[in-house]
Amino acid sequence: MKPRLEKIMKVLMIALVAATVIGFVIMGLWNALMPPIFGMRAIGFWQALGLLVLAKILFGGLHRHSHGGRGNWKRAMRERWEHMTPEEREHFRQAMQSRCRRGPFAAPAGPQS
């Protein structure tokens, strides 16, 4: 039981240090940028942590990542691949190669004039 308690304490300490550092970084960035650019007031540490929480709620969501978190897409893709027929796999390969060759900002494929 003792190793588990030590692990919990380590995780809590790391989370506390990370929250403190991130809070001071947000506060510093806000105070360095927002008042001179937009004429807004400077903020304190607790307001910076409040902004962090607000940003997480608005942009990061409050959902939990189950079974390994953000790496789930690899497992899901592998399962999807395993259930594809050989024809579906070939079609998928061709579509991905076409996208990779063109790049995200290239003109759509089609007749060239």
C-alpha atoms as a PDB file:
ATOM      1  CA  MET A   1       0.000   0.000   0.000  1.00  0.00           C
ATOM      2  CA  LYS A   2       2.896   2.358   0.685  1.00  0.00           C
ATOM      3  CA  PRO A   3       4.216   2.412  -2.913  1.00  0.00           C
ATOM      4  CA  ARG A   4       0.743   3.335  -4.142  1.00  0.00           C
ATOM      5  CA  LEU A   5       0.530   6.240  -1.680  1.00  0.00           C
ATOM      6  CA  GLU A   6       3.970   7.425  -2.783  1.00  0.00           C
ATOM      7  CA  LYS A   7       2.887   7.316  -6.419  1.00  0.00           C
ATOM      8  CA  ILE A   8      -0.269   9.311  -5.642  1.00  0.00           C
ATOM      9  CA  MET A   9       1.786  11.892  -3.749  1.00  0.00           C
ATOM     10  CA  LYS A  10       4.249  12.194  -6.649  1.00  0.00           C
ATOM     11  CA  VAL A  11       1.423  12.708  -9.145  1.00  0.00           C
ATOM     12  CA  LEU A  12      -0.192  15.333  -6.894  1.00  0.00           C
ATOM     13  CA  MET A  13       3.106  17.174  -6.469  1.00  0.00           C
ATOM     14  CA  ILE A  14       3.773  17.145 -10.215  1.00  0.00           C
ATOM     15  CA  ALA A  15       0.228  18.404 -10.895  1.00  0.00           C
ATOM     16  CA  LEU A  16       0.650  21.170  -8.291  1.00  0.00           C
ATOM     17  CA  VAL A  17       4.001  22.276  -9.718  1.00  0.00           C
ATOM     18  CA  ALA A  18       2.653  22.134 -13.292  1.00  0.00           C
ATOM     19  CA  ALA A  19      -0.446  24.169 -12.388  1.00  0.00           C
ATOM     20  CA  THR A  20       1.721  26.750 -10.630  1.00  0.00           C
ATOM     21  CA  VAL A  21       4.140  27.066 -13.546  1.00  0.00           C
ATOM     22  CA  ILE A  22       1.338  27.227 -16.123  1.00  0.00           C
ATOM     23  CA  GLY A  23      -0.521  29.795 -14.015  1.00  0.00           C
ATOM     24  CA  PHE A  24       2.529  32.045 -13.860  1.00  0.00           C
ATOM     25  CA  VAL A  25       3.190  31.601 -17.590  1.00  0.00           C
ATOM     26  CA  ILE A  26      -0.403  32.561 -18.462  1.00  0.00           C
ATOM     27  CA  MET A  27      -0.252  35.509 -16.085  1.00  0.00           C
ATOM     28  CA  GLY A  28       3.042  36.690 -17.554  1.00  0.00           C
ATOM     29  CA  LEU A  29       1.887  36.355 -21.135  1.00  0.00           C
ATOM     30  CA  TRP A  30      -1.395  38.112 -20.438  1.00  0.00           C
ATOM     31  CA  ASN A  31       0.265  40.958 -18.560  1.00  0.00           C
ATOM     32  CA  ALA A  32       2.960  41.352 -21.211  1.00  0.00           C
ATOM     33  CA  LEU A  33       0.595  41.320 -24.188  1.00  0.00           C
ATOM     34  CA  MET A  34      -2.973  42.295 -23.375  1.00  0.00           C
ATOM     35  CA  PRO A  35      -2.508  45.654 -21.580  1.00  0.00           C
ATOM     36  CA  PRO A  36      -0.173  47.175 -24.215  1.00  0.00           C
ATOM     37  CA  ILE A  37      -2.062  45.779 -27.220  1.00  0.00           C
ATOM     38  CA  PHE A  38      -5.699  46.057 -26.135  1.00  0.00           C
ATOM     39  CA  GLY A  39      -5.511  48.309 -23.081  1.00  0.00           C
ATOM     40  CA  MET A  40      -6.845  45.587 -20.778  1.00  0.00           C
ATOM     41  CA  ARG A  41      -5.989  45.351 -17.099  1.00  0.00           C
ATOM     42  CA  ALA A  42      -3.227  43.129 -15.748  1.00  0.00           C
ATOM     43  CA  ILE A  43      -4.329  39.946 -13.981  1.00  0.00           C
ATOM     44  CA  GLY A  44      -3.124  38.044 -10.937  1.00  0.00           C
ATOM     45  CA  PHE A  45      -2.148  34.417 -10.455  1.00  0.00           C
ATOM     46  CA  TRP A  46      -5.624  33.167  -9.479  1.00  0.00           C
ATOM     47  CA  GLN A  47      -7.216  34.946 -12.418  1.00  0.00           C
ATOM     48  CA  ALA A  48      -4.660  33.284 -14.688  1.00  0.00           C
ATOM     49  CA  LEU A  49      -5.587  29.866 -13.289  1.00  0.00           C
ATOM     50  CA  GLY A  50      -9.244  30.773 -13.846  1.00  0.00           C
ATOM     51  CA  LEU A  51      -8.443  31.568 -17.479  1.00  0.00           C
ATOM     52  CA  LEU A  52      -6.710  28.205 -17.808  1.00  0.00           C
ATOM     53  CA  VAL A  53      -9.784  26.399 -16.484  1.00  0.00           C
ATOM     54  CA  LEU A  54     -12.107  28.461 -18.702  1.00  0.00           C
ATOM     55  CA  ALA A  55      -9.998  27.745 -21.779  1.00  0.00           C
ATOM     56  CA  LYS A  56      -9.994  24.028 -20.946  1.00  0.00           C
ATOM     57  CA  ILE A  57     -13.775  24.033 -20.648  1.00  0.00           C
ATOM     58  CA  LEU A  58     -14.346  26.053 -23.823  1.00  0.00           C
ATOM     59  CA  PHE A  59     -11.704  24.549 -26.085  1.00  0.00           C
ATOM     60  CA  GLY A  60     -10.592  21.285 -24.500  1.00  0.00           C
ATOM     61  CA  GLY A  61     -13.860  19.983 -23.176  1.00  0.00           C
ATOM     62  CA  LEU A  62     -14.385  18.103 -19.948  1.00  0.00           C
ATOM     63  CA  HIS A  63     -14.599  14.618 -21.446  1.00  0.00           C
ATOM     64  CA  ARG A  64     -12.317  11.892 -20.215  1.00  0.00           C
ATOM     65  CA  HIS A  65     -10.146   9.957 -22.604  1.00  0.00           C
ATOM     66  CA  SER A  66     -10.809   6.301 -21.941  1.00  0.00           C
ATOM     67  CA  HIS A  67      -8.427   3.447 -22.588  1.00  0.00           C
ATOM     68  CA  GLY A  68      -5.216   5.315 -23.158  1.00  0.00           C
ATOM     69  CA  GLY A  69      -6.435   8.786 -23.986  1.00  0.00           C
ATOM     70  CA  ARG A  70      -5.543  10.469 -27.221  1.00  0.00           C
ATOM     71  CA  GLY A  71      -3.714   7.440 -28.606  1.00  0.00           C
ATOM     72  CA  ASN A  72      -7.056   5.694 -29.155  1.00  0.00           C
ATOM     73  CA  TRP A  73      -7.195   6.718 -32.808  1.00  0.00           C
ATOM     74  CA  LYS A  74      -4.352   4.298 -33.624  1.00  0.00           C
ATOM     75  CA  ARG A  75      -6.199   1.357 -32.109  1.00  0.00           C
ATOM     76  CA  ALA A  76      -9.456   2.396 -33.785  1.00  0.00           C
ATOM     77  CA  MET A  77      -7.732   2.747 -37.151  1.00  0.00           C
ATOM     78  CA  ARG A  78      -6.069  -0.660 -36.779  1.00  0.00           C
ATOM     79  CA  GLU A  79      -9.452  -2.268 -35.990  1.00  0.00           C
ATOM     80  CA  ARG A  80     -11.047  -0.502 -38.935  1.00  0.00           C
ATOM     81  CA  TRP A  81      -8.224  -1.657 -41.221  1.00  0.00           C
ATOM     82  CA  GLU A  82      -8.604  -5.263 -40.058  1.00  0.00           C
ATOM     83  CA  HIS A  83     -12.309  -5.238 -40.958  1.00  0.00           C
ATOM     84  CA  MET A  84     -11.751  -3.870 -44.479  1.00  0.00           C
ATOM     85  CA  THR A  85     -11.859  -6.063 -47.555  1.00  0.00           C
ATOM     86  CA  PRO A  86      -8.764  -6.069 -49.794  1.00  0.00           C
ATOM     87  CA  GLU A  87     -10.629  -3.838 -52.270  1.00  0.00           C
ATOM     88  CA  GLU A  88     -11.509  -1.337 -49.523  1.00  0.00           C
ATOM     89  CA  ARG A  89      -7.892  -1.306 -48.349  1.00  0.00           C
ATOM     90  CA  GLU A  90      -6.626  -0.575 -51.854  1.00  0.00           C
ATOM     91  CA  HIS A  91      -9.185   2.198 -52.318  1.00  0.00           C
ATOM     92  CA  PHE A  92      -8.150   3.703 -48.974  1.00  0.00           C
ATOM     93  CA  ARG A  93      -4.440   3.514 -49.904  1.00  0.00           C
ATOM     94  CA  GLN A  94      -5.066   5.264 -53.227  1.00  0.00           C
ATOM     95  CA  ALA A  95      -7.139   8.004 -51.591  1.00  0.00           C
ATOM     96  CA  MET A  96      -4.446   8.648 -48.966  1.00  0.00           C
ATOM     97  CA  GLN A  97      -1.657   8.690 -51.565  1.00  0.00           C
ATOM     98  CA  SER A  98      -3.648  11.151 -53.655  1.00  0.00           C
ATOM     99  CA  ARG A  99      -4.133  13.435 -50.642  1.00  0.00           C
ATOM    100  CA  CYS A 100      -0.490  13.213 -49.599  1.00  0.00           C
ATOM    101  CA  ARG A 101       0.796  14.060 -53.086  1.00  0.00           C
ATOM    102  CA  ARG A 102      -1.429  17.094 -53.449  1.00  0.00           C
ATOM    103  CA  GLY A 103      -0.834  18.504 -49.964  1.00  0.00           C
ATOM    104  CA  PRO A 104      -3.362  20.446 -47.920  1.00  0.00           C
ATOM    105  CA  PHE A 105      -3.158  23.663 -50.001  1.00  0.00           C
ATOM    106  CA  ALA A 106      -2.901  22.222 -53.486  1.00  0.00           C
ATOM    107  CA  ALA A 107      -5.571  22.731 -56.095  1.00  0.00           C
ATOM    108  CA  PRO A 108      -8.145  19.948 -56.323  1.00  0.00           C
ATOM    109  CA  ALA A 109      -7.322  17.149 -58.735  1.00  0.00           C
ATOM    110  CA  GLY A 110      -9.118  17.372 -62.018  1.00  0.00           C
ATOM    111  CA  PRO A 111      -8.650  18.259 -65.671  1.00  0.00           C
ATOM    112  CA  GLN A 112      -5.702  20.563 -66.245  1.00  0.00           C
ATOM    113  CA  SER A 113      -5.951  23.295 -68.869  1.00  0.00           C
END
